[in-house]
Amino acid sequence: MSRRHRLSRSRDFDTVYRKGRSVSTRFLVLYAFPREEGPEGEARLGLAVSRQLGAAVERNRLKRRLRAAFDELCEGLPAGHDYVLIARPGLADAVESRGFPWLTERVAEVFSLAEGTGA
């Protein structure tokens, strides 16, 4: 994922949290928000991985894997949307034991729930 497809500013995260819709699964929470300005742009992703999930090395590894899973799915996502994906405790251990394909399925599941709610 290129840097221009990432949310990085605090105000972008705040907008998605305040105005967006959320869906959740056992391991992930997704906030989705259609941007008002520039709706023709590609989908952007922000990640929130708490310290509860491990040390910095483990959190960064999980973020890399989540970005890779998002890259596989972003072609089918609507343009002009911002997403914030929040990892819940237990996700890092589950990914280690079940592998990357399992993580990709979980990310696809939460995004399909978001599309079902109109987010």
C-alpha atoms as a PDB file:
ATOM      1  CA  MET A   1       0.000   0.000   0.000  1.00  0.00           C
ATOM      2  CA  SER A   2       1.431   3.359  -0.947  1.00  0.00           C
ATOM      3  CA  ARG A   3       1.552   6.124   1.640  1.00  0.00           C
ATOM      4  CA  ARG A   4      -1.079   8.177  -0.186  1.00  0.00           C
ATOM      5  CA  HIS A   5      -3.595   5.397   0.502  1.00  0.00           C
ATOM      6  CA  ARG A   6      -3.080   5.687   4.253  1.00  0.00           C
ATOM      7  CA  LEU A   7      -4.726   7.844   6.854  1.00  0.00           C
ATOM      8  CA  SER A   8      -2.033   9.530   8.877  1.00  0.00           C
ATOM      9  CA  ARG A   9      -3.407  12.786  10.249  1.00  0.00           C
ATOM     10  CA  SER A  10      -5.200  12.855  13.565  1.00  0.00           C
ATOM     11  CA  ARG A  11      -8.060  14.913  12.143  1.00  0.00           C
ATOM     12  CA  ASP A  12      -8.699  12.281   9.444  1.00  0.00           C
ATOM     13  CA  PHE A  13      -8.961   9.582  12.112  1.00  0.00           C
ATOM     14  CA  ASP A  14     -11.236  11.804  14.207  1.00  0.00           C
ATOM     15  CA  THR A  15     -13.544  12.424  11.235  1.00  0.00           C
ATOM     16  CA  VAL A  16     -13.881   8.713  10.524  1.00  0.00           C
ATOM     17  CA  TYR A  17     -14.519   7.939  14.203  1.00  0.00           C
ATOM     18  CA  ARG A  18     -17.105  10.705  14.662  1.00  0.00           C
ATOM     19  CA  LYS A  19     -18.993  10.567  11.369  1.00  0.00           C
ATOM     20  CA  GLY A  20     -18.366   7.029  10.159  1.00  0.00           C
ATOM     21  CA  ARG A  21     -20.237   3.822  10.787  1.00  0.00           C
ATOM     22  CA  SER A  22     -18.679   0.926  12.624  1.00  0.00           C
ATOM     23  CA  VAL A  23     -18.919  -2.838  12.376  1.00  0.00           C
ATOM     24  CA  SER A  24     -17.067  -5.385  14.428  1.00  0.00           C
ATOM     25  CA  THR A  25     -16.053  -9.003  14.554  1.00  0.00           C
ATOM     26  CA  ARG A  26     -14.254 -10.993  17.229  1.00  0.00           C
ATOM     27  CA  PHE A  27     -10.803  -9.668  16.272  1.00  0.00           C
ATOM     28  CA  LEU A  28     -11.421  -6.476  14.253  1.00  0.00           C
ATOM     29  CA  VAL A  29     -13.444  -3.268  14.367  1.00  0.00           C
ATOM     30  CA  LEU A  30     -13.891  -1.258  11.175  1.00  0.00           C
ATOM     31  CA  TYR A  31     -15.015   2.353  10.914  1.00  0.00           C
ATOM     32  CA  ALA A  32     -16.013   3.449   7.405  1.00  0.00           C
ATOM     33  CA  PHE A  33     -16.711   6.958   6.159  1.00  0.00           C
ATOM     34  CA  PRO A  34     -17.366   8.261   2.614  1.00  0.00           C
ATOM     35  CA  ARG A  35     -15.212  11.365   2.080  1.00  0.00           C
ATOM     36  CA  GLU A  36     -16.975  14.540   1.069  1.00  0.00           C
ATOM     37  CA  GLU A  37     -14.001  16.074  -0.713  1.00  0.00           C
ATOM     38  CA  GLY A  38     -12.443  14.050  -3.498  1.00  0.00           C
ATOM     39  CA  PRO A  39     -14.868  11.117  -3.644  1.00  0.00           C
ATOM     40  CA  GLU A  40     -13.148   9.927  -6.811  1.00  0.00           C
ATOM     41  CA  GLY A  41      -9.931   9.036  -4.935  1.00  0.00           C
ATOM     42  CA  GLU A  42      -9.029   5.531  -3.904  1.00  0.00           C
ATOM     43  CA  ALA A  43      -9.924   4.073  -0.527  1.00  0.00           C
ATOM     44  CA  ARG A  44      -7.635   5.048   2.339  1.00  0.00           C
ATOM     45  CA  LEU A  45      -6.844   2.957   5.416  1.00  0.00           C
ATOM     46  CA  GLY A  46      -5.810   3.903   8.922  1.00  0.00           C
ATOM     47  CA  LEU A  47      -4.753   1.332  11.497  1.00  0.00           C
ATOM     48  CA  ALA A  48      -5.090   1.373  15.267  1.00  0.00           C
ATOM     49  CA  VAL A  49      -3.130  -1.333  17.062  1.00  0.00           C
ATOM     50  CA  SER A  50      -3.094  -1.045  20.839  1.00  0.00           C
ATOM     51  CA  ARG A  51      -0.154  -1.742  23.114  1.00  0.00           C
ATOM     52  CA  GLN A  52      -2.236  -4.556  24.554  1.00  0.00           C
ATOM     53  CA  LEU A  53      -1.358  -6.547  21.439  1.00  0.00           C
ATOM     54  CA  GLY A  54       2.343  -6.675  22.242  1.00  0.00           C
ATOM     55  CA  ALA A  55       5.617  -4.873  21.956  1.00  0.00           C
ATOM     56  CA  ALA A  56       6.408  -2.468  19.125  1.00  0.00           C
ATOM     57  CA  VAL A  57       7.933  -5.179  16.939  1.00  0.00           C
ATOM     58  CA  GLU A  58       4.814  -7.332  17.211  1.00  0.00           C
ATOM     59  CA  ARG A  59       2.459  -4.387  16.616  1.00  0.00           C
ATOM     60  CA  ASN A  60       4.389  -3.260  13.540  1.00  0.00           C
ATOM     61  CA  ARG A  61       4.423  -6.820  12.156  1.00  0.00           C
ATOM     62  CA  LEU A  62       0.652  -6.990  12.616  1.00  0.00           C
ATOM     63  CA  LYS A  63       0.201  -3.609  10.903  1.00  0.00           C
ATOM     64  CA  ARG A  64       2.261  -4.778   7.910  1.00  0.00           C
ATOM     65  CA  ARG A  65       0.092  -7.876   7.625  1.00  0.00           C
ATOM     66  CA  LEU A  66      -3.129  -5.867   7.904  1.00  0.00           C
ATOM     67  CA  ARG A  67      -1.931  -3.487   5.169  1.00  0.00           C
ATOM     68  CA  ALA A  68      -1.070  -6.454   2.927  1.00  0.00           C
ATOM     69  CA  ALA A  69      -4.534  -7.942   3.505  1.00  0.00           C
ATOM     70  CA  PHE A  70      -6.119  -4.561   2.699  1.00  0.00           C
ATOM     71  CA  ASP A  71      -4.066  -4.363  -0.520  1.00  0.00           C
ATOM     72  CA  GLU A  72      -5.587  -7.640  -1.680  1.00  0.00           C
ATOM     73  CA  LEU A  73      -9.096  -6.304  -1.061  1.00  0.00           C
ATOM     74  CA  CYS A  74      -8.862  -2.631  -1.993  1.00  0.00           C
ATOM     75  CA  GLU A  75      -9.683  -3.176  -5.675  1.00  0.00           C
ATOM     76  CA  GLY A  76     -13.237  -4.191  -4.772  1.00  0.00           C
ATOM     77  CA  LEU A  77     -13.825  -1.350  -2.315  1.00  0.00           C
ATOM     78  CA  PRO A  78     -15.773   1.781  -3.225  1.00  0.00           C
ATOM     79  CA  ALA A  79     -13.686   4.797  -4.187  1.00  0.00           C
ATOM     80  CA  GLY A  80     -13.623   7.851  -1.972  1.00  0.00           C
ATOM     81  CA  HIS A  81     -13.954   6.046   1.359  1.00  0.00           C
ATOM     82  CA  ASP A  82     -11.791   6.263   4.461  1.00  0.00           C
ATOM     83  CA  TYR A  83     -11.466   3.263   6.748  1.00  0.00           C
ATOM     84  CA  VAL A  84      -9.985   2.799  10.201  1.00  0.00           C
ATOM     85  CA  LEU A  85      -9.265  -0.794  11.146  1.00  0.00           C
ATOM     86  CA  ILE A  86      -8.808  -1.494  14.850  1.00  0.00           C
ATOM     87  CA  ALA A  87      -7.147  -4.699  15.998  1.00  0.00           C
ATOM     88  CA  ARG A  88      -8.574  -6.289  19.128  1.00  0.00           C
ATOM     89  CA  PRO A  89      -6.552  -8.245  21.703  1.00  0.00           C
ATOM     90  CA  GLY A  90      -5.856 -11.800  20.629  1.00  0.00           C
ATOM     91  CA  LEU A  91      -5.490 -11.030  16.924  1.00  0.00           C
ATOM     92  CA  ALA A  92      -1.695 -11.230  16.858  1.00  0.00           C
ATOM     93  CA  ASP A  93      -1.682 -14.666  18.490  1.00  0.00           C
ATOM     94  CA  ALA A  94      -4.426 -15.916  16.185  1.00  0.00           C
ATOM     95  CA  VAL A  95      -2.519 -14.740  13.100  1.00  0.00           C
ATOM     96  CA  GLU A  96       0.644 -16.455  14.314  1.00  0.00           C
ATOM     97  CA  SER A  97      -1.154 -19.762  14.777  1.00  0.00           C
ATOM     98  CA  ARG A  98      -3.491 -19.628  11.748  1.00  0.00           C
ATOM     99  CA  GLY A  99      -1.470 -17.731   9.142  1.00  0.00           C
ATOM    100  CA  PHE A 100      -1.866 -14.860   6.718  1.00  0.00           C
ATOM    101  CA  PRO A 101      -4.692 -16.379   4.601  1.00  0.00           C
ATOM    102  CA  TRP A 102      -6.827 -16.553   7.761  1.00  0.00           C
ATOM    103  CA  LEU A 103      -6.127 -12.871   8.452  1.00  0.00           C
ATOM    104  CA  THR A 104      -7.103 -11.939   4.900  1.00  0.00           C
ATOM    105  CA  GLU A 105     -10.402 -13.781   5.369  1.00  0.00           C
ATOM    106  CA  ARG A 106     -11.078 -11.906   8.631  1.00  0.00           C
ATOM    107  CA  VAL A 107     -10.355  -8.541   6.995  1.00  0.00           C
ATOM    108  CA  ALA A 108     -12.590  -9.439   4.045  1.00  0.00           C
ATOM    109  CA  GLU A 109     -15.318 -10.455   6.506  1.00  0.00           C
ATOM    110  CA  VAL A 110     -15.312  -7.127   8.349  1.00  0.00           C
ATOM    111  CA  PHE A 111     -15.299  -5.164   5.062  1.00  0.00           C
ATOM    112  CA  SER A 112     -18.239  -7.208   3.743  1.00  0.00           C
ATOM    113  CA  LEU A 113     -20.139  -6.418   6.959  1.00  0.00           C
ATOM    114  CA  ALA A 114     -19.425  -2.725   6.411  1.00  0.00           C
ATOM    115  CA  GLU A 115     -20.782  -2.894   2.862  1.00  0.00           C
ATOM    116  CA  GLY A 116     -23.907  -4.624   4.164  1.00  0.00           C
ATOM    117  CA  THR A 117     -24.621  -1.741   6.555  1.00  0.00           C
ATOM    118  CA  GLY A 118     -24.169   0.906   3.898  1.00  0.00           C
ATOM    119  CA  ALA A 119     -20.977   2.243   5.434  1.00  0.00           C
END
